[in-house]
Amino acid sequence: MGILALRSDERVANVELTDEAIVVSLQDGRTISAPLIWFPKLVNATADQRNRWEICSGGYGLHWEELDEDLSTEGLLRGAPAPRDRDIGLGNSV
């Protein structure tokens, strides 16, 4: 009895951004969705700024030049929100 092993491919295929979520489609057909509130730079950006993303890191990341924001498919798959100021020891916590 053989086992069919499908290969995963965590590279970005497409990105959709709404006022509430980021939805990343991967090359292997999976979809990752995360609340936009996890990413303060994105949630505070205009829709136009959010939509100016580019694929980076060999296909495993997203970059917003104007917002100085980077996300990885690895972090999204782990469910890792962006660090808050208090988490990295900068500024005042809200």
C-alpha atoms as a PDB file:
ATOM      1  CA  MET A   1       0.000   0.000   0.000  1.00  0.00           C
ATOM      2  CA  GLY A   2       1.586   3.297  -1.089  1.00  0.00           C
ATOM      3  CA  ILE A   3       1.267   6.662   0.518  1.00  0.00           C
ATOM      4  CA  LEU A   4       0.840   9.717  -1.650  1.00  0.00           C
ATOM      5  CA  ALA A   5       2.761  12.598  -0.114  1.00  0.00           C
ATOM      6  CA  LEU A   6       1.822  16.016  -1.413  1.00  0.00           C
ATOM      7  CA  ARG A   7       4.535  18.637  -1.257  1.00  0.00           C
ATOM      8  CA  SER A   8       3.768  21.797   0.615  1.00  0.00           C
ATOM      9  CA  ASP A   9       4.758  25.094  -0.930  1.00  0.00           C
ATOM     10  CA  GLU A  10       4.517  27.980   1.507  1.00  0.00           C
ATOM     11  CA  ARG A  11       5.364  30.636  -1.059  1.00  0.00           C
ATOM     12  CA  VAL A  12       2.868  33.472  -1.572  1.00  0.00           C
ATOM     13  CA  ALA A  13       0.524  33.165  -4.550  1.00  0.00           C
ATOM     14  CA  ASN A  14      -1.809  36.084  -3.790  1.00  0.00           C
ATOM     15  CA  VAL A  15      -2.830  38.508  -1.046  1.00  0.00           C
ATOM     16  CA  GLU A  16      -6.193  40.081  -0.251  1.00  0.00           C
ATOM     17  CA  LEU A  17      -6.578  42.793   2.360  1.00  0.00           C
ATOM     18  CA  THR A  18      -9.829  44.017   3.861  1.00  0.00           C
ATOM     19  CA  ASP A  19     -10.473  46.435   6.713  1.00  0.00           C
ATOM     20  CA  GLU A  20     -10.574  43.416   9.031  1.00  0.00           C
ATOM     21  CA  ALA A  21      -8.157  40.773   7.715  1.00  0.00           C
ATOM     22  CA  ILE A  22      -5.198  39.783   5.599  1.00  0.00           C
ATOM     23  CA  VAL A  23      -5.773  36.669   3.507  1.00  0.00           C
ATOM     24  CA  VAL A  24      -2.721  35.040   1.924  1.00  0.00           C
ATOM     25  CA  SER A  25      -3.095  32.305  -0.678  1.00  0.00           C
ATOM     26  CA  LEU A  26      -0.146  29.937  -0.867  1.00  0.00           C
ATOM     27  CA  GLN A  27       1.256  28.164  -3.915  1.00  0.00           C
ATOM     28  CA  ASP A  28       0.111  24.784  -2.556  1.00  0.00           C
ATOM     29  CA  GLY A  29      -3.542  25.859  -2.359  1.00  0.00           C
ATOM     30  CA  ARG A  30      -3.739  26.664   1.344  1.00  0.00           C
ATOM     31  CA  THR A  31      -5.094  29.986   2.572  1.00  0.00           C
ATOM     32  CA  ILE A  32      -3.947  31.817   5.702  1.00  0.00           C
ATOM     33  CA  SER A  33      -6.164  34.462   7.274  1.00  0.00           C
ATOM     34  CA  ALA A  34      -5.215  36.707  10.178  1.00  0.00           C
ATOM     35  CA  PRO A  35      -6.951  39.677  11.786  1.00  0.00           C
ATOM     36  CA  LEU A  36      -5.523  42.956  10.528  1.00  0.00           C
ATOM     37  CA  ILE A  37      -5.510  44.303  14.102  1.00  0.00           C
ATOM     38  CA  TRP A  38      -2.492  42.009  14.699  1.00  0.00           C
ATOM     39  CA  PHE A  39      -0.468  44.277  12.417  1.00  0.00           C
ATOM     40  CA  PRO A  40      -0.690  47.917  13.587  1.00  0.00           C
ATOM     41  CA  LYS A  41       1.152  49.346  10.583  1.00  0.00           C
ATOM     42  CA  LEU A  42      -1.361  47.706   8.253  1.00  0.00           C
ATOM     43  CA  VAL A  43      -4.486  48.441  10.270  1.00  0.00           C
ATOM     44  CA  ASN A  44      -3.508  52.134  10.496  1.00  0.00           C
ATOM     45  CA  ALA A  45      -2.670  52.398   6.784  1.00  0.00           C
ATOM     46  CA  THR A  46      -5.029  53.472   4.035  1.00  0.00           C
ATOM     47  CA  ALA A  47      -6.481  50.819   1.743  1.00  0.00           C
ATOM     48  CA  ASP A  48      -4.260  52.151  -1.042  1.00  0.00           C
ATOM     49  CA  GLN A  49      -1.143  51.803   1.120  1.00  0.00           C
ATOM     50  CA  ARG A  50      -2.147  48.265   2.154  1.00  0.00           C
ATOM     51  CA  ASN A  51      -2.554  47.237  -1.457  1.00  0.00           C
ATOM     52  CA  ARG A  52       0.992  48.296  -2.391  1.00  0.00           C
ATOM     53  CA  TRP A  53       2.598  45.059  -1.210  1.00  0.00           C
ATOM     54  CA  GLU A  54       5.254  43.006  -2.946  1.00  0.00           C
ATOM     55  CA  ILE A  55       6.414  39.435  -2.592  1.00  0.00           C
ATOM     56  CA  CYS A  56       9.921  39.146  -1.149  1.00  0.00           C
ATOM     57  CA  SER A  57      12.291  36.624   0.446  1.00  0.00           C
ATOM     58  CA  GLY A  58      12.134  34.163  -2.410  1.00  0.00           C
ATOM     59  CA  GLY A  59       8.342  34.100  -2.244  1.00  0.00           C
ATOM     60  CA  TYR A  60       8.115  33.425   1.494  1.00  0.00           C
ATOM     61  CA  GLY A  61       7.438  36.992   2.587  1.00  0.00           C
ATOM     62  CA  LEU A  62       5.482  40.169   1.964  1.00  0.00           C
ATOM     63  CA  HIS A  63       6.868  43.685   2.063  1.00  0.00           C
ATOM     64  CA  TRP A  64       5.236  47.125   2.221  1.00  0.00           C
ATOM     65  CA  GLU A  65       7.967  49.646   1.350  1.00  0.00           C
ATOM     66  CA  GLU A  66       5.989  52.756   2.301  1.00  0.00           C
ATOM     67  CA  LEU A  67       4.874  51.247   5.617  1.00  0.00           C
ATOM     68  CA  ASP A  68       8.220  49.605   6.483  1.00  0.00           C
ATOM     69  CA  GLU A  69       6.354  46.354   7.210  1.00  0.00           C
ATOM     70  CA  ASP A  70       7.387  42.778   6.478  1.00  0.00           C
ATOM     71  CA  LEU A  71       5.450  39.564   7.093  1.00  0.00           C
ATOM     72  CA  SER A  72       6.534  35.977   6.477  1.00  0.00           C
ATOM     73  CA  THR A  73       4.406  32.997   5.590  1.00  0.00           C
ATOM     74  CA  GLU A  74       6.138  31.155   8.437  1.00  0.00           C
ATOM     75  CA  GLY A  75       4.960  33.747  10.961  1.00  0.00           C
ATOM     76  CA  LEU A  76       1.449  33.797   9.518  1.00  0.00           C
ATOM     77  CA  LEU A  77       1.253  30.001   9.674  1.00  0.00           C
ATOM     78  CA  ARG A  78       2.372  30.090  13.321  1.00  0.00           C
ATOM     79  CA  GLY A  79      -0.266  32.722  14.100  1.00  0.00           C
ATOM     80  CA  ALA A  80       2.314  35.256  15.231  1.00  0.00           C
ATOM     81  CA  PRO A  81       1.023  38.841  15.561  1.00  0.00           C
ATOM     82  CA  ALA A  82       3.455  41.737  15.121  1.00  0.00           C
ATOM     83  CA  PRO A  83       5.253  42.674  18.347  1.00  0.00           C
ATOM     84  CA  ARG A  84       3.724  45.600  20.226  1.00  0.00           C
ATOM     85  CA  ASP A  85       5.911  48.406  21.585  1.00  0.00           C
ATOM     86  CA  ARG A  86       5.749  46.965  25.089  1.00  0.00           C
ATOM     87  CA  ASP A  87       6.751  43.531  23.762  1.00  0.00           C
ATOM     88  CA  ILE A  88      10.018  44.887  22.366  1.00  0.00           C
ATOM     89  CA  GLY A  89      10.675  47.386  25.132  1.00  0.00           C
ATOM     90  CA  LEU A  90      10.011  50.569  23.178  1.00  0.00           C
ATOM     91  CA  GLY A  91       7.619  53.420  23.835  1.00  0.00           C
ATOM     92  CA  ASN A  92       4.540  53.430  26.007  1.00  0.00           C
ATOM     93  CA  SER A  93       2.107  50.553  25.971  1.00  0.00           C
ATOM     94  CA  VAL A  94      -1.479  51.315  25.025  1.00  0.00           C
END
